[in-house]
């Protein structure tokens, strides 16, 4: 396998270029998102582009399929089994199992920097970009920007709750969209949530937020803070446990993954069930069919079997 080199391609000077189409190691750089599709194949949105793992070998689709060399930030499998990848500079890629199709600003996408993708209950894709949200119905894009009330346009996260409302985290204020109105989200003190990086709805219908203001939960009536540490990603596993990636810069920069202790949490404390210190920042979490957790980190991906961590070559 040829080693990774830092090089410029198109307009992305930080893309990690590799010559190999197939290897036995997988991504070794920043891995933002991981997904296991319905066939069992693992997919990695990484700084080396779109990579997949079939249980035997890793394939770099940027090299195999001749895709534009840009960071890949997020991945979604829709209800039809089609995969969607968001990139930082090349817009959106659609993969139907055979070939890739690219969608960019010239197709109607609001911006070519895509940070998150969601499919709503009606089958519409919500694509969070640097300049607002693009909704794609399979034929055309409908964009939401500052003109529609989405004043903070750099979108990090989108989730639809069971009532059909859209909760949106951005680099600035965060919003809830009920129908056609964007309403800033504020806590009990009337302060808006800033730089929300991750939003999920748990099995009980609670909305969880993570970002610069720490970890918060909204139960439909009030907002409660669970941690003051920066929270970069949230994930609920099939056992109902919520996992959070957190960091602190005092006294040194440390990244950790922990399970949230929902029952015993107090608004002003640090509460966790299990703390896992990892070598590098954690950007994404998923669970495979066997129940193992996969973590996307700044140094590639790790698999956690509940007791031990495993590198992708293990």
C-alpha atoms as a PDB file:
ATOM      1  CA  UNK A   1       0.000   0.000   0.000  1.00  0.00           C
ATOM      2  CA  UNK A   2       1.272   3.432  -0.807  1.00  0.00           C
ATOM      3  CA  UNK A   3       1.451   5.694   2.233  1.00  0.00           C
ATOM      4  CA  UNK A   4      -0.720   8.780   2.531  1.00  0.00           C
ATOM      5  CA  UNK A   5       0.701  12.099   1.473  1.00  0.00           C
ATOM      6  CA  UNK A   6      -0.687  15.553   2.060  1.00  0.00           C
ATOM      7  CA  UNK A   7      -1.384  17.155  -1.240  1.00  0.00           C
ATOM      8  CA  UNK A   8      -3.618  19.559  -3.115  1.00  0.00           C
ATOM      9  CA  UNK A   9      -6.275  18.337  -5.528  1.00  0.00           C
ATOM     10  CA  UNK A  10      -8.946  20.589  -6.977  1.00  0.00           C
ATOM     11  CA  UNK A  11      -9.536  23.236  -4.280  1.00  0.00           C
ATOM     12  CA  UNK A  12      -8.906  21.070  -1.194  1.00  0.00           C
ATOM     13  CA  UNK A  13      -5.292  21.491  -0.031  1.00  0.00           C
ATOM     14  CA  UNK A  14      -5.798  19.191   2.970  1.00  0.00           C
ATOM     15  CA  UNK A  15      -7.117  16.128   1.165  1.00  0.00           C
ATOM     16  CA  UNK A  16      -5.082  13.063   2.147  1.00  0.00           C
ATOM     17  CA  UNK A  17      -4.141  11.517  -1.178  1.00  0.00           C
ATOM     18  CA  UNK A  18      -3.338   7.816  -1.472  1.00  0.00           C
ATOM     19  CA  UNK A  19      -2.521   5.882  -4.616  1.00  0.00           C
ATOM     20  CA  UNK A  20      -3.957   2.538  -3.508  1.00  0.00           C
ATOM     21  CA  UNK A  21      -7.451   1.485  -4.559  1.00  0.00           C
ATOM     22  CA  UNK A  22      -7.528  -1.415  -2.086  1.00  0.00           C
ATOM     23  CA  UNK A  23      -5.694  -1.982   1.200  1.00  0.00           C
ATOM     24  CA  UNK A  24      -5.932  -3.908   4.457  1.00  0.00           C
ATOM     25  CA  UNK A  25      -5.758  -0.980   6.863  1.00  0.00           C
ATOM     26  CA  UNK A  26      -8.565   1.452   6.056  1.00  0.00           C
ATOM     27  CA  UNK A  27      -8.612   5.190   6.769  1.00  0.00           C
ATOM     28  CA  UNK A  28      -5.688   6.469   8.831  1.00  0.00           C
ATOM     29  CA  UNK A  29      -6.686  10.136   8.946  1.00  0.00           C
ATOM     30  CA  UNK A  30      -9.706  12.080  10.236  1.00  0.00           C
ATOM     31  CA  UNK A  31     -12.823   9.921   9.935  1.00  0.00           C
ATOM     32  CA  UNK A  32     -15.959  11.982  10.442  1.00  0.00           C
ATOM     33  CA  UNK A  33     -18.727   9.437  10.023  1.00  0.00           C
ATOM     34  CA  UNK A  34     -19.214   5.654   9.811  1.00  0.00           C
ATOM     35  CA  UNK A  35     -22.187   3.602   8.611  1.00  0.00           C
ATOM     36  CA  UNK A  36     -22.998  -0.074   8.089  1.00  0.00           C
ATOM     37  CA  UNK A  37     -25.374  -0.498   5.160  1.00  0.00           C
ATOM     38  CA  UNK A  38     -28.113  -3.112   4.911  1.00  0.00           C
ATOM     39  CA  UNK A  39     -25.766  -5.542   3.141  1.00  0.00           C
ATOM     40  CA  UNK A  40     -23.270  -5.426   6.023  1.00  0.00           C
ATOM     41  CA  UNK A  41     -20.635  -3.312   4.277  1.00  0.00           C
ATOM     42  CA  UNK A  42     -19.009  -0.602   6.395  1.00  0.00           C
ATOM     43  CA  UNK A  43     -18.617   2.893   4.935  1.00  0.00           C
ATOM     44  CA  UNK A  44     -16.241   5.601   6.140  1.00  0.00           C
ATOM     45  CA  UNK A  45     -16.488   9.339   5.457  1.00  0.00           C
ATOM     46  CA  UNK A  46     -12.865  10.383   5.861  1.00  0.00           C
ATOM     47  CA  UNK A  47     -10.245  12.936   4.893  1.00  0.00           C
ATOM     48  CA  UNK A  48      -9.049  10.299   2.393  1.00  0.00           C
ATOM     49  CA  UNK A  49     -12.472  10.364   0.789  1.00  0.00           C
ATOM     50  CA  UNK A  50     -15.163   7.688   0.611  1.00  0.00           C
ATOM     51  CA  UNK A  51     -13.937   4.291   1.790  1.00  0.00           C
ATOM     52  CA  UNK A  52     -15.734   0.969   2.298  1.00  0.00           C
ATOM     53  CA  UNK A  53     -14.959  -2.350   3.983  1.00  0.00           C
ATOM     54  CA  UNK A  54     -16.492  -5.646   2.843  1.00  0.00           C
ATOM     55  CA  UNK A  55     -15.115  -7.740   5.698  1.00  0.00           C
ATOM     56  CA  UNK A  56     -11.908  -8.555   3.837  1.00  0.00           C
ATOM     57  CA  UNK A  57     -10.487  -5.421   2.265  1.00  0.00           C
ATOM     58  CA  UNK A  58     -10.930  -1.663   2.194  1.00  0.00           C
ATOM     59  CA  UNK A  59     -11.739   0.156  -1.039  1.00  0.00           C
ATOM     60  CA  UNK A  60     -10.976   3.825  -1.671  1.00  0.00           C
ATOM     61  CA  UNK A  61     -13.767   4.930  -3.986  1.00  0.00           C
ATOM     62  CA  UNK A  62     -12.120   8.255  -4.739  1.00  0.00           C
ATOM     63  CA  UNK A  63      -9.441   6.296  -6.571  1.00  0.00           C
ATOM     64  CA  UNK A  64     -11.536   3.412  -7.906  1.00  0.00           C
ATOM     65  CA  UNK A  65     -14.406   5.544  -9.191  1.00  0.00           C
ATOM     66  CA  UNK A  66     -12.482   8.687 -10.126  1.00  0.00           C
ATOM     67  CA  UNK A  67     -14.368  11.019  -7.766  1.00  0.00           C
ATOM     68  CA  UNK A  68     -13.328  14.598  -7.070  1.00  0.00           C
ATOM     69  CA  UNK A  69     -10.698  14.731  -4.315  1.00  0.00           C
ATOM     70  CA  UNK A  70     -12.402  16.391  -1.349  1.00  0.00           C
ATOM     71  CA  UNK A  71     -12.892  15.596   2.320  1.00  0.00           C
ATOM     72  CA  UNK A  72     -15.935  13.424   2.987  1.00  0.00           C
ATOM     73  CA  UNK A  73     -17.864  14.585   6.031  1.00  0.00           C
ATOM     74  CA  UNK A  74     -21.049  12.530   6.416  1.00  0.00           C
ATOM     75  CA  UNK A  75     -22.890   9.480   5.082  1.00  0.00           C
ATOM     76  CA  UNK A  76     -26.548   8.401   5.072  1.00  0.00           C
ATOM     77  CA  UNK A  77     -28.374   5.315   3.812  1.00  0.00           C
ATOM     78  CA  UNK A  78     -31.891   6.242   2.696  1.00  0.00           C
ATOM     79  CA  UNK A  79     -35.026   4.101   2.898  1.00  0.00           C
ATOM     80  CA  UNK A  80     -34.311   2.637  -0.554  1.00  0.00           C
ATOM     81  CA  UNK A  81     -30.775   1.564   0.345  1.00  0.00           C
ATOM     82  CA  UNK A  82     -29.157   4.385  -1.627  1.00  0.00           C
ATOM     83  CA  UNK A  83     -26.093   5.935   0.016  1.00  0.00           C
ATOM     84  CA  UNK A  84     -25.524   9.696   0.212  1.00  0.00           C
ATOM     85  CA  UNK A  85     -22.187  11.306   1.042  1.00  0.00           C
ATOM     86  CA  UNK A  86     -21.581  14.927   1.984  1.00  0.00           C
ATOM     87  CA  UNK A  87     -18.221  16.470   1.129  1.00  0.00           C
ATOM     88  CA  UNK A  88     -16.403  19.661   1.982  1.00  0.00           C
ATOM     89  CA  UNK A  89     -16.130  21.231  -1.447  1.00  0.00           C
ATOM     90  CA  UNK A  90     -17.586  18.735  -3.923  1.00  0.00           C
ATOM     91  CA  UNK A  91     -21.189  18.846  -2.755  1.00  0.00           C
ATOM     92  CA  UNK A  92     -23.224  15.658  -2.490  1.00  0.00           C
ATOM     93  CA  UNK A  93     -22.614  12.165  -3.877  1.00  0.00           C
ATOM     94  CA  UNK A  94     -25.322   9.560  -4.473  1.00  0.00           C
ATOM     95  CA  UNK A  95     -24.329   5.874  -4.710  1.00  0.00           C
ATOM     96  CA  UNK A  96     -26.917   3.355  -5.933  1.00  0.00           C
ATOM     97  CA  UNK A  97     -24.692   0.313  -5.478  1.00  0.00           C
ATOM     98  CA  UNK A  98     -23.164   0.566  -8.935  1.00  0.00           C
ATOM     99  CA  UNK A  99     -22.191   4.154  -9.702  1.00  0.00           C
ATOM    100  CA  UNK A 100     -21.811   7.574  -8.109  1.00  0.00           C
ATOM    101  CA  UNK A 101     -23.751  10.693  -9.093  1.00  0.00           C
ATOM    102  CA  UNK A 102     -22.636  14.152  -7.999  1.00  0.00           C
ATOM    103  CA  UNK A 103     -24.917  17.059  -6.995  1.00  0.00           C
ATOM    104  CA  UNK A 104     -23.431  20.516  -6.513  1.00  0.00           C
ATOM    105  CA  UNK A 105     -24.380  24.187  -6.554  1.00  0.00           C
ATOM    106  CA  UNK A 106     -24.934  24.103 -10.303  1.00  0.00           C
ATOM    107  CA  UNK A 107     -27.694  21.548  -9.633  1.00  0.00           C
ATOM    108  CA  UNK A 108     -29.346  23.780  -7.026  1.00  0.00           C
ATOM    109  CA  UNK A 109     -27.520  22.752  -3.835  1.00  0.00           C
ATOM    110  CA  UNK A 110     -27.180  25.744  -1.490  1.00  0.00           C
ATOM    111  CA  UNK A 111     -23.424  25.249  -1.004  1.00  0.00           C
ATOM    112  CA  UNK A 112     -20.836  22.591  -1.824  1.00  0.00           C
ATOM    113  CA  UNK A 113     -19.718  22.236   1.808  1.00  0.00           C
ATOM    114  CA  UNK A 114     -22.085  19.623   3.267  1.00  0.00           C
ATOM    115  CA  UNK A 115     -21.968  18.950   7.011  1.00  0.00           C
ATOM    116  CA  UNK A 116     -24.953  16.653   7.611  1.00  0.00           C
ATOM    117  CA  UNK A 117     -27.701  14.716   5.811  1.00  0.00           C
ATOM    118  CA  UNK A 118     -31.099  13.560   7.097  1.00  0.00           C
ATOM    119  CA  UNK A 119     -34.031  11.820   5.428  1.00  0.00           C
ATOM    120  CA  UNK A 120     -37.323  12.928   6.953  1.00  0.00           C
ATOM    121  CA  UNK A 121     -40.511  10.942   7.510  1.00  0.00           C
ATOM    122  CA  UNK A 122     -41.763  11.918   4.039  1.00  0.00           C
ATOM    123  CA  UNK A 123     -38.609  10.701   2.306  1.00  0.00           C
ATOM    124  CA  UNK A 124     -37.188  14.176   1.642  1.00  0.00           C
ATOM    125  CA  UNK A 125     -33.451  14.673   2.135  1.00  0.00           C
ATOM    126  CA  UNK A 126     -32.386  17.575   4.355  1.00  0.00           C
ATOM    127  CA  UNK A 127     -28.819  18.595   3.558  1.00  0.00           C
ATOM    128  CA  UNK A 128     -27.041  20.939   5.946  1.00  0.00           C
ATOM    129  CA  UNK A 129     -24.527  23.153   4.155  1.00  0.00           C
ATOM    130  CA  UNK A 130     -22.334  26.139   4.907  1.00  0.00           C
ATOM    131  CA  UNK A 131     -25.005  28.457   3.507  1.00  0.00           C
ATOM    132  CA  UNK A 132     -28.262  26.981   4.724  1.00  0.00           C
ATOM    133  CA  UNK A 133     -30.316  23.837   4.226  1.00  0.00           C
ATOM    134  CA  UNK A 134     -31.161  22.184   0.918  1.00  0.00           C
ATOM    135  CA  UNK A 135     -34.206  19.897   0.751  1.00  0.00           C
ATOM    136  CA  UNK A 136     -34.097  17.363  -2.085  1.00  0.00           C
ATOM    137  CA  UNK A 137     -37.240  15.481  -3.126  1.00  0.00           C
ATOM    138  CA  UNK A 138     -35.482  13.347  -5.717  1.00  0.00           C
ATOM    139  CA  UNK A 139     -35.987  15.851  -8.512  1.00  0.00           C
ATOM    140  CA  UNK A 140     -35.130  19.357  -7.325  1.00  0.00           C
ATOM    141  CA  UNK A 141     -33.713  21.344  -4.410  1.00  0.00           C
ATOM    142  CA  UNK A 142     -35.588  23.762  -2.162  1.00  0.00           C
ATOM    143  CA  UNK A 143     -33.180  25.911  -0.136  1.00  0.00           C
ATOM    144  CA  UNK A 144     -33.672  27.518   3.287  1.00  0.00           C
ATOM    145  CA  UNK A 145     -31.375  30.470   3.990  1.00  0.00           C
ATOM    146  CA  UNK A 146     -31.318  33.728   5.943  1.00  0.00           C
ATOM    147  CA  UNK A 147     -34.154  34.967   3.738  1.00  0.00           C
ATOM    148  CA  UNK A 148     -36.331  32.266   5.314  1.00  0.00           C
ATOM    149  CA  UNK A 149     -35.257  33.020   8.879  1.00  0.00           C
ATOM    150  CA  UNK A 150     -32.286  30.638   9.118  1.00  0.00           C
ATOM    151  CA  UNK A 151     -29.921  33.449  10.066  1.00  0.00           C
ATOM    152  CA  UNK A 152     -27.022  31.182  11.044  1.00  0.00           C
ATOM    153  CA  UNK A 153     -26.440  29.296   7.833  1.00  0.00           C
ATOM    154  CA  UNK A 154     -23.486  27.004   8.608  1.00  0.00           C
ATOM    155  CA  UNK A 155     -25.442  23.882   9.575  1.00  0.00           C
ATOM    156  CA  UNK A 156     -23.884  21.122  11.708  1.00  0.00           C
ATOM    157  CA  UNK A 157     -26.812  18.849  12.571  1.00  0.00           C
ATOM    158  CA  UNK A 158     -30.472  18.210  11.745  1.00  0.00           C
ATOM    159  CA  UNK A 159     -32.940  15.826  13.381  1.00  0.00           C
ATOM    160  CA  UNK A 160     -36.689  15.348  12.951  1.00  0.00           C
ATOM    161  CA  UNK A 161     -38.642  14.614  16.122  1.00  0.00           C
ATOM    162  CA  UNK A 162     -41.710  12.390  16.322  1.00  0.00           C
ATOM    163  CA  UNK A 163     -43.963  15.453  16.004  1.00  0.00           C
ATOM    164  CA  UNK A 164     -42.381  16.351  12.661  1.00  0.00           C
ATOM    165  CA  UNK A 165     -40.419  19.356  13.916  1.00  0.00           C
ATOM    166  CA  UNK A 166     -36.878  19.855  12.663  1.00  0.00           C
ATOM    167  CA  UNK A 167     -34.168  20.639  15.237  1.00  0.00           C
ATOM    168  CA  UNK A 168     -31.189  22.366  13.660  1.00  0.00           C
ATOM    169  CA  UNK A 169     -27.729  22.968  15.099  1.00  0.00           C
ATOM    170  CA  UNK A 170     -25.510  25.570  13.435  1.00  0.00           C
ATOM    171  CA  UNK A 171     -22.208  27.349  14.010  1.00  0.00           C
ATOM    172  CA  UNK A 172     -24.229  30.271  15.367  1.00  0.00           C
ATOM    173  CA  UNK A 173     -27.711  30.071  16.883  1.00  0.00           C
ATOM    174  CA  UNK A 174     -29.722  26.868  16.741  1.00  0.00           C
ATOM    175  CA  UNK A 175     -33.333  26.562  15.635  1.00  0.00           C
ATOM    176  CA  UNK A 176     -36.483  24.486  15.666  1.00  0.00           C
ATOM    177  CA  UNK A 177     -38.540  24.540  12.469  1.00  0.00           C
ATOM    178  CA  UNK A 178     -42.255  23.996  13.060  1.00  0.00           C
ATOM    179  CA  UNK A 179     -43.923  24.286   9.690  1.00  0.00           C
ATOM    180  CA  UNK A 180     -42.296  27.242   7.967  1.00  0.00           C
ATOM    181  CA  UNK A 181     -40.966  29.256  10.924  1.00  0.00           C
ATOM    182  CA  UNK A 182     -37.418  29.034  12.273  1.00  0.00           C
ATOM    183  CA  UNK A 183     -37.442  29.750  16.020  1.00  0.00           C
ATOM    184  CA  UNK A 184     -34.145  30.158  17.914  1.00  0.00           C
ATOM    185  CA  UNK A 185     -33.690  27.558  20.669  1.00  0.00           C
ATOM    186  CA  UNK A 186     -33.125  29.078  24.109  1.00  0.00           C
ATOM    187  CA  UNK A 187     -32.473  27.491  27.499  1.00  0.00           C
ATOM    188  CA  UNK A 188     -34.303  28.251  30.745  1.00  0.00           C
ATOM    189  CA  UNK A 189     -32.264  31.428  31.215  1.00  0.00           C
ATOM    190  CA  UNK A 190     -33.321  32.732  27.816  1.00  0.00           C
ATOM    191  CA  UNK A 191     -29.893  32.243  26.255  1.00  0.00           C
ATOM    192  CA  UNK A 192     -29.602  30.819  22.760  1.00  0.00           C
ATOM    193  CA  UNK A 193     -27.578  27.673  22.175  1.00  0.00           C
ATOM    194  CA  UNK A 194     -24.413  28.495  20.236  1.00  0.00           C
ATOM    195  CA  UNK A 195     -22.410  26.212  17.950  1.00  0.00           C
ATOM    196  CA  UNK A 196     -24.459  23.058  18.430  1.00  0.00           C
ATOM    197  CA  UNK A 197     -22.491  20.223  16.797  1.00  0.00           C
ATOM    198  CA  UNK A 198     -24.839  17.279  17.339  1.00  0.00           C
ATOM    199  CA  UNK A 199     -28.567  16.706  17.941  1.00  0.00           C
ATOM    200  CA  UNK A 200     -30.432  13.431  18.528  1.00  0.00           C
ATOM    201  CA  UNK A 201     -33.876  12.316  19.651  1.00  0.00           C
ATOM    202  CA  UNK A 202     -33.749   9.407  22.096  1.00  0.00           C
ATOM    203  CA  UNK A 203     -36.158   6.485  22.368  1.00  0.00           C
ATOM    204  CA  UNK A 204     -38.273   8.390  24.893  1.00  0.00           C
ATOM    205  CA  UNK A 205     -38.680  11.414  22.627  1.00  0.00           C
ATOM    206  CA  UNK A 206     -36.188  13.647  24.449  1.00  0.00           C
ATOM    207  CA  UNK A 207     -34.025  15.962  22.345  1.00  0.00           C
ATOM    208  CA  UNK A 208     -30.315  16.022  23.197  1.00  0.00           C
ATOM    209  CA  UNK A 209     -27.922  18.799  22.137  1.00  0.00           C
ATOM    210  CA  UNK A 210     -24.143  18.845  22.231  1.00  0.00           C
ATOM    211  CA  UNK A 211     -21.726  21.649  21.433  1.00  0.00           C
ATOM    212  CA  UNK A 212     -19.842  24.567  22.921  1.00  0.00           C
ATOM    213  CA  UNK A 213     -22.404  24.890  25.732  1.00  0.00           C
ATOM    214  CA  UNK A 214     -21.940  21.282  26.801  1.00  0.00           C
ATOM    215  CA  UNK A 215     -24.564  18.539  26.857  1.00  0.00           C
ATOM    216  CA  UNK A 216     -28.259  19.402  27.238  1.00  0.00           C
ATOM    217  CA  UNK A 217     -31.559  17.518  27.204  1.00  0.00           C
ATOM    218  CA  UNK A 218     -35.034  18.864  26.379  1.00  0.00           C
ATOM    219  CA  UNK A 219     -37.866  16.671  27.665  1.00  0.00           C
ATOM    220  CA  UNK A 220     -40.644  18.704  26.065  1.00  0.00           C
ATOM    221  CA  UNK A 221     -40.957  21.035  29.052  1.00  0.00           C
ATOM    222  CA  UNK A 222     -37.539  22.152  30.218  1.00  0.00           C
ATOM    223  CA  UNK A 223     -33.863  22.151  29.250  1.00  0.00           C
ATOM    224  CA  UNK A 224     -31.422  20.422  31.587  1.00  0.00           C
ATOM    225  CA  UNK A 225     -27.643  20.531  31.370  1.00  0.00           C
ATOM    226  CA  UNK A 226     -25.809  17.237  31.909  1.00  0.00           C
ATOM    227  CA  UNK A 227     -22.252  18.392  31.254  1.00  0.00           C
ATOM    228  CA  UNK A 228     -20.409  21.658  30.718  1.00  0.00           C
ATOM    229  CA  UNK A 229     -17.705  20.041  28.605  1.00  0.00           C
ATOM    230  CA  UNK A 230     -17.654  20.559  24.860  1.00  0.00           C
ATOM    231  CA  UNK A 231     -19.711  17.757  23.298  1.00  0.00           C
ATOM    232  CA  UNK A 232     -18.966  16.898  19.689  1.00  0.00           C
ATOM    233  CA  UNK A 233     -21.137  13.859  18.941  1.00  0.00           C
ATOM    234  CA  UNK A 234     -24.088  11.960  20.431  1.00  0.00           C
ATOM    235  CA  UNK A 235     -25.312   8.452  19.714  1.00  0.00           C
ATOM    236  CA  UNK A 236     -27.897   6.147  21.294  1.00  0.00           C
ATOM    237  CA  UNK A 237     -27.140   2.439  21.009  1.00  0.00           C
ATOM    238  CA  UNK A 238     -29.671  -0.381  20.733  1.00  0.00           C
ATOM    239  CA  UNK A 239     -29.628  -0.894  24.498  1.00  0.00           C
ATOM    240  CA  UNK A 240     -30.787   2.686  24.996  1.00  0.00           C
ATOM    241  CA  UNK A 241     -27.423   3.949  26.249  1.00  0.00           C
ATOM    242  CA  UNK A 242     -26.441   7.418  25.079  1.00  0.00           C
ATOM    243  CA  UNK A 243     -22.778   7.871  24.187  1.00  0.00           C
ATOM    244  CA  UNK A 244     -21.174  11.302  24.031  1.00  0.00           C
ATOM    245  CA  UNK A 245     -17.787  12.499  22.828  1.00  0.00           C
ATOM    246  CA  UNK A 246     -16.418  15.226  25.060  1.00  0.00           C
ATOM    247  CA  UNK A 247     -13.291  17.301  25.489  1.00  0.00           C
ATOM    248  CA  UNK A 248     -11.568  19.535  27.960  1.00  0.00           C
ATOM    249  CA  UNK A 249      -8.575  21.829  27.550  1.00  0.00           C
ATOM    250  CA  UNK A 250      -7.812  22.156  31.255  1.00  0.00           C
ATOM    251  CA  UNK A 251      -5.083  21.255  32.044  1.00  0.00           C
ATOM    252  CA  UNK A 252      -4.499  19.553  28.690  1.00  0.00           C
ATOM    253  CA  UNK A 253      -6.662  18.773  25.716  1.00  0.00           C
ATOM    254  CA  UNK A 254      -8.301  15.408  26.383  1.00  0.00           C
ATOM    255  CA  UNK A 255     -10.964  13.612  24.394  1.00  0.00           C
ATOM    256  CA  UNK A 256     -13.212  11.039  26.002  1.00  0.00           C
ATOM    257  CA  UNK A 257     -16.228   8.936  25.175  1.00  0.00           C
ATOM    258  CA  UNK A 258     -18.724   8.346  27.948  1.00  0.00           C
ATOM    259  CA  UNK A 259     -22.142   6.855  28.542  1.00  0.00           C
ATOM    260  CA  UNK A 260     -24.606   9.389  29.917  1.00  0.00           C
ATOM    261  CA  UNK A 261     -26.041   8.560  33.348  1.00  0.00           C
ATOM    262  CA  UNK A 262     -29.582   9.730  32.629  1.00  0.00           C
ATOM    263  CA  UNK A 263     -31.050   8.654  35.963  1.00  0.00           C
ATOM    264  CA  UNK A 264     -28.567  10.339  38.311  1.00  0.00           C
ATOM    265  CA  UNK A 265     -27.466  13.387  36.339  1.00  0.00           C
ATOM    266  CA  UNK A 266     -27.510  16.791  37.977  1.00  0.00           C
ATOM    267  CA  UNK A 267     -27.620  19.993  35.994  1.00  0.00           C
ATOM    268  CA  UNK A 268     -24.329  21.315  37.343  1.00  0.00           C
ATOM    269  CA  UNK A 269     -22.140  18.225  37.373  1.00  0.00           C
ATOM    270  CA  UNK A 270     -20.118  15.791  35.305  1.00  0.00           C
ATOM    271  CA  UNK A 271     -21.937  12.477  35.232  1.00  0.00           C
ATOM    272  CA  UNK A 272     -21.117   9.342  33.325  1.00  0.00           C
ATOM    273  CA  UNK A 273     -21.372   5.584  33.592  1.00  0.00           C
ATOM    274  CA  UNK A 274     -18.325   4.555  31.575  1.00  0.00           C
ATOM    275  CA  UNK A 275     -15.446   6.796  30.520  1.00  0.00           C
ATOM    276  CA  UNK A 276     -13.222   5.726  27.642  1.00  0.00           C
ATOM    277  CA  UNK A 277     -10.127   7.806  26.937  1.00  0.00           C
ATOM    278  CA  UNK A 278      -9.170   7.591  23.288  1.00  0.00           C
ATOM    279  CA  UNK A 279      -6.015   8.683  21.438  1.00  0.00           C
ATOM    280  CA  UNK A 280      -7.520  11.559  19.507  1.00  0.00           C
ATOM    281  CA  UNK A 281     -10.741  13.424  18.937  1.00  0.00           C
ATOM    282  CA  UNK A 282     -13.931  11.437  18.257  1.00  0.00           C
ATOM    283  CA  UNK A 283     -16.125  12.723  15.425  1.00  0.00           C
ATOM    284  CA  UNK A 284     -18.648   9.945  14.839  1.00  0.00           C
ATOM    285  CA  UNK A 285     -20.140   6.837  16.458  1.00  0.00           C
ATOM    286  CA  UNK A 286     -22.208   3.983  15.051  1.00  0.00           C
ATOM    287  CA  UNK A 287     -23.176   0.415  15.986  1.00  0.00           C
ATOM    288  CA  UNK A 288     -22.882  -2.576  13.693  1.00  0.00           C
ATOM    289  CA  UNK A 289     -25.165  -5.600  13.369  1.00  0.00           C
ATOM    290  CA  UNK A 290     -23.131  -7.541  15.959  1.00  0.00           C
ATOM    291  CA  UNK A 291     -23.532  -4.770  18.519  1.00  0.00           C
ATOM    292  CA  UNK A 292     -19.950  -3.490  18.345  1.00  0.00           C
ATOM    293  CA  UNK A 293     -19.457   0.271  18.461  1.00  0.00           C
ATOM    294  CA  UNK A 294     -17.349   2.004  15.823  1.00  0.00           C
ATOM    295  CA  UNK A 295     -15.680   5.337  16.548  1.00  0.00           C
ATOM    296  CA  UNK A 296     -14.452   7.735  13.882  1.00  0.00           C
ATOM    297  CA  UNK A 297     -11.391   9.551  15.223  1.00  0.00           C
ATOM    298  CA  UNK A 298      -8.712  11.936  14.013  1.00  0.00           C
ATOM    299  CA  UNK A 299      -6.492   8.905  13.365  1.00  0.00           C
ATOM    300  CA  UNK A 300      -8.953   6.695  11.522  1.00  0.00           C
ATOM    301  CA  UNK A 301     -11.570   4.350  12.980  1.00  0.00           C
ATOM    302  CA  UNK A 302     -11.710   2.048  15.997  1.00  0.00           C
ATOM    303  CA  UNK A 303     -14.070  -0.802  16.851  1.00  0.00           C
ATOM    304  CA  UNK A 304     -15.158  -1.402  20.460  1.00  0.00           C
ATOM    305  CA  UNK A 305     -16.562  -4.835  21.359  1.00  0.00           C
ATOM    306  CA  UNK A 306     -17.715  -3.774  24.823  1.00  0.00           C
ATOM    307  CA  UNK A 307     -14.414  -4.669  26.445  1.00  0.00           C
ATOM    308  CA  UNK A 308     -11.534  -3.938  24.076  1.00  0.00           C
ATOM    309  CA  UNK A 309     -10.713  -1.546  21.243  1.00  0.00           C
ATOM    310  CA  UNK A 310      -9.621  -2.973  17.909  1.00  0.00           C
ATOM    311  CA  UNK A 311      -7.842  -1.288  15.019  1.00  0.00           C
ATOM    312  CA  UNK A 312      -9.265  -1.874  11.570  1.00  0.00           C
ATOM    313  CA  UNK A 313      -6.445  -4.258  10.705  1.00  0.00           C
ATOM    314  CA  UNK A 314      -7.251  -6.507  13.707  1.00  0.00           C
END
